[in-house]
Protein backbone atom coordinates (compact mmCIF):
# COMPACT_ATOMS: atom_id res chain seq x y z
CA UNK A 1 61.50 57.04 -16.36
CA UNK A 2 58.13 57.96 -15.33
CA UNK A 3 57.68 57.11 -12.08
CA UNK A 4 54.08 55.92 -11.30
CA UNK A 5 53.02 55.94 -7.56
CA UNK A 6 52.47 52.97 -5.42
CA UNK A 7 48.62 53.55 -5.12
CA UNK A 8 47.96 54.88 -8.87
CA UNK A 9 50.06 52.02 -10.35
CA UNK A 10 48.10 49.04 -8.77
CA UNK A 11 44.83 51.05 -10.17
CA UNK A 12 45.98 50.95 -13.84
CA UNK A 13 47.23 47.42 -13.36
CA UNK A 14 43.75 47.05 -12.47
CA UNK A 15 42.04 48.44 -15.16
CA UNK A 16 44.47 47.06 -17.93
CA UNK A 17 45.41 43.44 -16.93
CA UNK A 18 47.03 41.53 -19.07
CA UNK A 19 44.67 38.23 -20.10
CA UNK A 20 45.94 34.97 -18.88
CA UNK A 21 47.80 32.10 -21.42
CA UNK A 22 44.89 29.88 -20.24
CA UNK A 23 41.52 29.90 -18.26
CA UNK A 24 40.73 27.04 -16.19
CA UNK A 25 37.52 27.04 -15.21
CA UNK A 26 35.32 24.19 -12.71
CA UNK A 27 31.70 24.08 -11.79
CA UNK A 28 28.93 21.91 -12.20
CA UNK A 29 27.32 24.01 -14.96
CA UNK A 30 28.84 23.86 -18.48
CA UNK A 31 26.90 26.61 -19.61
CA UNK A 32 28.66 29.21 -16.21
CA UNK A 33 32.30 27.93 -16.75
CA UNK A 34 32.18 28.19 -20.30
CA UNK A 35 31.08 32.15 -20.08
CA UNK A 36 33.34 32.20 -17.20
CA UNK A 37 36.48 31.04 -19.17
CA UNK A 38 35.82 33.16 -22.07
CA UNK A 39 35.20 35.96 -19.89
CA UNK A 40 38.77 35.02 -18.25
CA UNK A 41 40.24 35.23 -21.16
CA UNK A 42 39.06 39.11 -21.68
CA UNK A 43 35.34 38.06 -22.89
CA UNK A 44 33.82 37.07 -26.18
CA UNK A 45 34.28 40.82 -27.87
CA UNK A 46 38.06 39.68 -28.10
CA UNK A 47 37.53 36.81 -30.17
CA UNK A 48 34.24 37.85 -31.98
CA UNK A 49 33.60 41.02 -33.66
CA UNK A 50 30.37 42.65 -35.16
CA UNK A 51 29.60 41.16 -38.48
CA UNK A 52 32.02 38.15 -38.00
CA UNK A 53 30.89 34.68 -39.56
CA UNK A 54 31.63 32.39 -36.72
CA UNK A 55 32.40 29.00 -37.37
CA UNK A 56 32.36 26.96 -34.21
CA UNK A 57 33.97 22.92 -34.68
CA UNK A 58 32.90 20.85 -31.99
CA UNK A 59 33.31 16.96 -32.20
CA UNK A 60 30.07 15.33 -33.52
CA UNK A 61 31.99 12.49 -34.69
CA UNK A 62 30.06 9.42 -32.97
CA UNK A 63 26.77 8.01 -32.58
CA UNK A 64 27.04 8.58 -28.73
CA UNK A 65 25.03 10.65 -26.40
CA UNK A 66 26.40 13.10 -23.56
CA UNK A 67 27.07 11.28 -21.21
CA UNK A 68 29.51 8.73 -22.89
CA UNK A 69 31.94 11.84 -23.53
CA UNK A 70 32.89 10.95 -27.12
CA UNK A 71 31.50 14.01 -28.45
CA UNK A 72 31.59 17.80 -27.51
CA UNK A 73 29.33 18.71 -24.64
CA UNK A 74 26.13 20.14 -26.23
CA UNK A 75 25.87 22.77 -23.82
CA UNK A 76 29.02 24.32 -24.00
CA UNK A 77 28.66 24.66 -27.55
CA UNK A 78 25.53 26.34 -27.06
CA UNK A 79 26.88 28.96 -24.39
CA UNK A 80 30.08 29.47 -27.45
CA UNK A 81 26.81 29.98 -29.76
CA UNK A 82 25.24 32.57 -27.33
CA UNK A 83 27.99 34.64 -26.57
CA UNK A 84 29.12 34.69 -30.46
CA UNK A 85 25.49 36.48 -31.63
CA UNK A 86 25.74 38.59 -28.24
CA UNK A 87 28.79 40.17 -29.43
CA UNK A 88 27.03 40.83 -32.71
CA UNK A 89 27.96 37.89 -35.12
CA UNK A 90 26.47 37.78 -38.53
CA UNK A 91 26.12 34.33 -38.28
CA UNK A 92 27.12 31.24 -36.23
CA UNK A 93 27.50 28.02 -38.23
CA UNK A 94 28.19 24.54 -36.31
CA UNK A 95 29.08 21.28 -38.18
CA UNK A 96 31.45 18.13 -38.28
CA UNK A 97 32.08 15.44 -40.60
CA UNK A 98 31.10 12.40 -38.43
CA UNK A 99 32.78 9.00 -38.71
CA UNK A 100 29.28 7.61 -38.22
CA UNK A 101 26.07 8.29 -39.93
CA UNK A 102 25.99 12.28 -39.83
CA UNK A 103 22.07 12.40 -39.20
CA UNK A 104 22.48 10.27 -36.21
CA UNK A 105 25.79 11.73 -34.91
CA UNK A 106 24.10 15.15 -34.55
CA UNK A 107 21.10 13.78 -33.33
CA UNK A 108 22.49 11.68 -30.64
CA UNK A 109 24.79 14.15 -29.33
CA UNK A 110 22.20 16.47 -28.65
CA UNK A 111 24.33 19.17 -30.46
CA UNK A 112 22.32 20.03 -33.07
CA UNK A 113 19.23 20.86 -31.28
CA UNK A 114 21.21 22.82 -28.50
CA UNK A 115 23.26 24.21 -30.94
CA UNK A 116 20.05 25.52 -32.95
CA UNK A 117 18.06 26.43 -30.16
CA UNK A 118 20.79 28.69 -28.80
CA UNK A 119 20.45 30.33 -32.48
CA UNK A 120 23.24 28.45 -34.68
CA UNK A 121 22.90 27.53 -38.55
CA UNK A 122 23.47 23.96 -37.64
CA UNK A 123 24.26 21.96 -41.06
CA UNK A 124 25.96 18.90 -43.01
CA UNK A 125 28.97 19.28 -44.24
CA UNK A 126 28.39 18.75 -47.96
CA UNK A 127 30.99 17.30 -49.97
CA UNK A 128 31.21 20.15 -52.78
CA UNK A 129 32.17 22.49 -50.73
CA UNK A 130 35.85 21.12 -49.78
CA UNK A 131 38.34 22.95 -51.58
CA UNK A 132 41.86 21.45 -52.10
CA UNK A 133 44.41 23.36 -50.09
CA UNK A 134 47.93 23.59 -50.60
CA UNK A 135 49.82 22.46 -46.98
CA UNK A 136 53.53 22.12 -47.84
CA UNK A 137 53.94 20.47 -44.65
CA UNK A 138 55.63 17.45 -43.58
CA UNK A 139 53.76 14.88 -43.88
CA UNK A 140 50.69 16.51 -46.22
CA UNK A 141 51.29 18.47 -49.89
CA UNK A 142 47.85 18.96 -49.97
CA UNK A 143 44.71 18.24 -48.51
CA UNK A 144 41.25 18.96 -49.10
CA UNK A 145 39.48 21.14 -46.52
CA UNK A 146 35.93 22.48 -45.69
CA UNK A 147 35.47 25.86 -47.62
CA UNK A 148 33.19 27.16 -44.75
CA UNK A 149 35.86 27.18 -42.44
CA UNK A 150 38.59 28.86 -44.77
CA UNK A 151 36.01 31.57 -45.64
CA UNK A 152 34.89 32.18 -41.84
CA UNK A 153 35.88 35.31 -39.98
CA UNK A 154 36.22 33.74 -37.18
CA UNK A 155 36.79 29.74 -35.91
CA UNK A 156 36.35 28.16 -32.38
CA UNK A 157 37.55 25.20 -31.81
CA UNK A 158 35.96 23.18 -29.43
CA UNK A 159 37.02 20.02 -28.71
CA UNK A 160 36.42 17.14 -26.28
CA UNK A 161 39.07 15.60 -24.07
CA UNK A 162 39.23 11.67 -24.51
CA UNK A 163 41.52 8.79 -24.85
CA UNK A 164 42.31 7.61 -28.69
CA UNK A 165 43.71 4.82 -29.41
CA UNK A 166 46.24 5.56 -32.20
CA UNK A 167 46.76 8.99 -30.91
CA UNK A 168 47.09 8.60 -27.32
CA UNK A 169 44.80 11.77 -26.80
CA UNK A 170 42.57 13.60 -29.24
CA UNK A 171 41.41 17.69 -28.19
CA UNK A 172 42.01 20.92 -30.02
CA UNK A 173 44.62 19.37 -32.89
CA UNK A 174 43.32 16.36 -33.29
CA UNK A 175 39.93 17.98 -33.81
CA UNK A 176 40.75 19.33 -37.23
CA UNK A 177 40.29 16.58 -38.90
CA UNK A 178 36.69 17.02 -38.83
CA UNK A 179 37.20 19.27 -41.65
CA UNK A 180 39.23 17.15 -43.62
CA UNK A 181 37.50 15.62 -46.58
CA UNK A 182 38.94 12.74 -49.15
CA UNK A 183 40.14 9.72 -47.43
CA UNK A 184 41.33 11.24 -43.93
CA UNK A 185 41.39 7.47 -42.40
CA UNK A 186 44.71 7.10 -44.80
CA UNK A 187 47.11 10.02 -43.13
CA UNK A 188 47.35 7.86 -39.64
CA UNK A 189 50.15 6.18 -40.95
CA UNK A 190 51.91 9.63 -40.49
CA UNK A 191 49.42 10.84 -38.08
CA UNK A 192 51.38 13.83 -36.03
CA UNK A 193 52.78 15.25 -38.96
CA UNK A 194 49.90 15.23 -40.49
CA UNK A 195 47.63 16.50 -37.68
CA UNK A 196 49.71 19.49 -37.36
CA UNK A 197 50.03 20.22 -41.29
CA UNK A 198 46.37 20.76 -41.21
CA UNK A 199 46.52 23.20 -37.87
CA UNK A 200 48.76 25.06 -39.36
CA UNK A 201 46.43 26.19 -41.96
CA UNK A 202 43.91 27.09 -39.35
CA UNK A 203 43.81 30.10 -37.01
CA UNK A 204 41.60 29.70 -34.77
CA UNK A 205 40.20 32.81 -32.51
CA UNK A 206 39.99 30.63 -29.61
CA UNK A 207 39.84 26.82 -28.59
CA UNK A 208 37.88 25.80 -25.75
CA UNK A 209 38.02 22.27 -24.54
CA UNK A 210 35.60 20.33 -23.11
CA UNK A 211 36.26 18.39 -19.92
CA UNK A 212 33.17 18.55 -18.47
CA UNK A 213 33.55 14.77 -19.23
CA UNK A 214 36.38 12.89 -20.13
CA UNK A 215 36.74 9.51 -22.08
CA UNK A 216 39.63 7.67 -20.07
CA UNK A 217 40.01 4.50 -21.78
CA UNK A 218 38.49 2.93 -25.54
CA UNK A 219 38.95 5.74 -27.71
CA UNK A 220 37.45 7.57 -29.47
CA UNK A 221 34.16 6.04 -29.68
CA UNK A 222 33.63 4.82 -26.19
CA UNK A 223 30.71 3.34 -25.21
CA UNK A 224 31.26 2.34 -21.76
CA UNK A 225 30.58 4.84 -19.26
CA UNK A 226 33.04 3.03 -16.97
CA UNK A 227 35.66 4.92 -19.55
CA UNK A 228 34.13 8.08 -18.51
CA UNK A 229 35.23 10.35 -15.31
CA UNK A 230 33.28 13.78 -14.53
CA UNK A 231 35.98 16.81 -13.92
CA UNK A 232 33.17 19.84 -14.75
CA UNK A 233 36.36 21.18 -16.17
CA UNK A 234 36.95 24.01 -19.35
CA UNK A 235 39.99 24.77 -20.73
CA UNK A 236 40.66 28.15 -23.03
CA UNK A 237 43.15 29.71 -24.48
CA UNK A 238 44.37 31.50 -27.75
CA UNK A 239 47.04 28.72 -28.02
CA UNK A 240 45.99 25.59 -29.16
CA UNK A 241 48.77 23.61 -28.43
CA UNK A 242 48.78 25.26 -24.90
CA UNK A 243 45.32 23.89 -24.33
CA UNK A 244 46.20 20.32 -25.75
CA UNK A 245 49.16 20.26 -23.04
CA UNK A 246 47.18 21.08 -20.06
CA UNK A 247 44.27 18.69 -21.75
CA UNK A 248 46.94 16.09 -21.04
CA UNK A 249 47.49 16.68 -17.58
CA UNK A 250 43.97 15.51 -16.90
CA UNK A 251 44.66 11.95 -17.80
CA UNK A 252 47.57 11.64 -16.36
CA UNK A 253 50.35 12.76 -18.78
CA UNK A 254 52.05 15.69 -20.17
CA UNK A 255 52.06 17.29 -23.58
CA UNK A 256 55.23 16.52 -24.42
CA UNK A 257 54.43 12.44 -24.11
CA UNK A 258 52.16 13.30 -27.03
CA UNK A 259 53.72 13.20 -30.48
CA UNK A 260 51.39 15.65 -32.59
CA UNK A 261 52.17 18.44 -29.51
CA UNK A 262 55.77 18.04 -29.82
CA UNK A 263 55.40 18.22 -33.49
CA UNK A 264 53.33 20.73 -33.07
CA UNK A 265 55.24 22.93 -30.49
CA UNK A 266 58.24 22.01 -33.06
CA UNK A 267 56.65 23.93 -35.71
CA UNK A 268 55.48 26.83 -33.94
CA UNK A 269 52.39 26.52 -33.67
CA UNK A 270 52.31 26.55 -29.68
CA UNK A 271 53.66 26.22 -26.83
CA UNK A 272 53.48 22.91 -24.83
CA UNK A 273 55.62 23.49 -21.88
CA UNK A 274 52.60 25.03 -19.60
CA UNK A 275 55.01 25.61 -16.59
CA UNK A 276 55.82 28.78 -18.39
CA UNK A 277 52.32 30.31 -19.04
CA UNK A 278 50.01 32.34 -16.96
CA UNK A 279 46.77 30.00 -15.96
CA UNK A 280 44.29 31.61 -14.57
CA UNK A 281 42.38 29.11 -12.28
CA UNK A 282 38.49 29.58 -11.29
CA UNK A 283 35.98 27.45 -9.35
CA UNK A 284 32.65 28.23 -9.41
CA UNK A 285 30.05 27.18 -6.36
C-alpha cells in the first residue's frame, strides 16, 4: 500500500472532504442559513445540473402568514429557487396542493410572491395533471400523484417543522401529501404506512427542513402565536428520514417516536438513528 506523508495527506483530505450526512445551520437570516446548509453539503451543483427542470415542494397548505409557522418560510423557498437557477436550472417550479383555498394560501404564506420574484414558475396544481402511480405499498396499491413532480429532473423537498394532531409531527415525509390527488384524507386510517408508500415513489435530490419558526402545538394549521417557537435553524440532507429524525429532536422527541419514521427506516428509505450520522453544525452571526 502506498504511504502518503502526513502533511500531504492533510492537504488531500482538505481538498476532497466527504460531505456530512446532515447540515444544521443556525442564524437570523433564512436566506443565509439556507445557503450555508447547501454549501456545507457540497454546494448546489451537487444537487442541480445545468438544464435541469427543478421542482421545489414547500408546504403551502394553510391560509396563514409566515409568522404562524404553518407553512414553509418564503425566504427559504426563494433561496432555493435562486440557488437552483444559479446552478443552471432550465426552469424551477413551485407548487402545492393546499387544504384551504389555493389562492389565499399562496398569497398569505408569502411563498407565491417570494418564489416568483426569485425567478420560479409558481402555479396552482391542475387536476388534469395527476397520474395514477402503482405503489404496491403496505397501505396503498396505487394513488394519483402530480405529474410535474414525477417528470422533474430534480425535486427539492422544503417542508416546515410543526406539530400534527394525528401524525405527531409533520416534516419531510408528510410533506408529500401535497403531491397527492384523489381523496387523500382517506389515508389517515393507515397514515404511517401510506406516507411511506408515497415517499418511496419520490426520490428528492435534497431535503431542506425549515425550522426558522416551528409550530409546537395545535398543528398542522396553528393560528396562535403562543404555539410558535423561533429556532432560526435549517436542517438539510439527502436522506429525508434522517432530516425528519433530527427535526423530531427540536420537539423533545426522537425519530423512533414517530410511526412513519420507524416505518420509513424499516422500508429502507433512510436512517433514523442520527447518532450514527455525520452532522455538521454551523452558527452564523
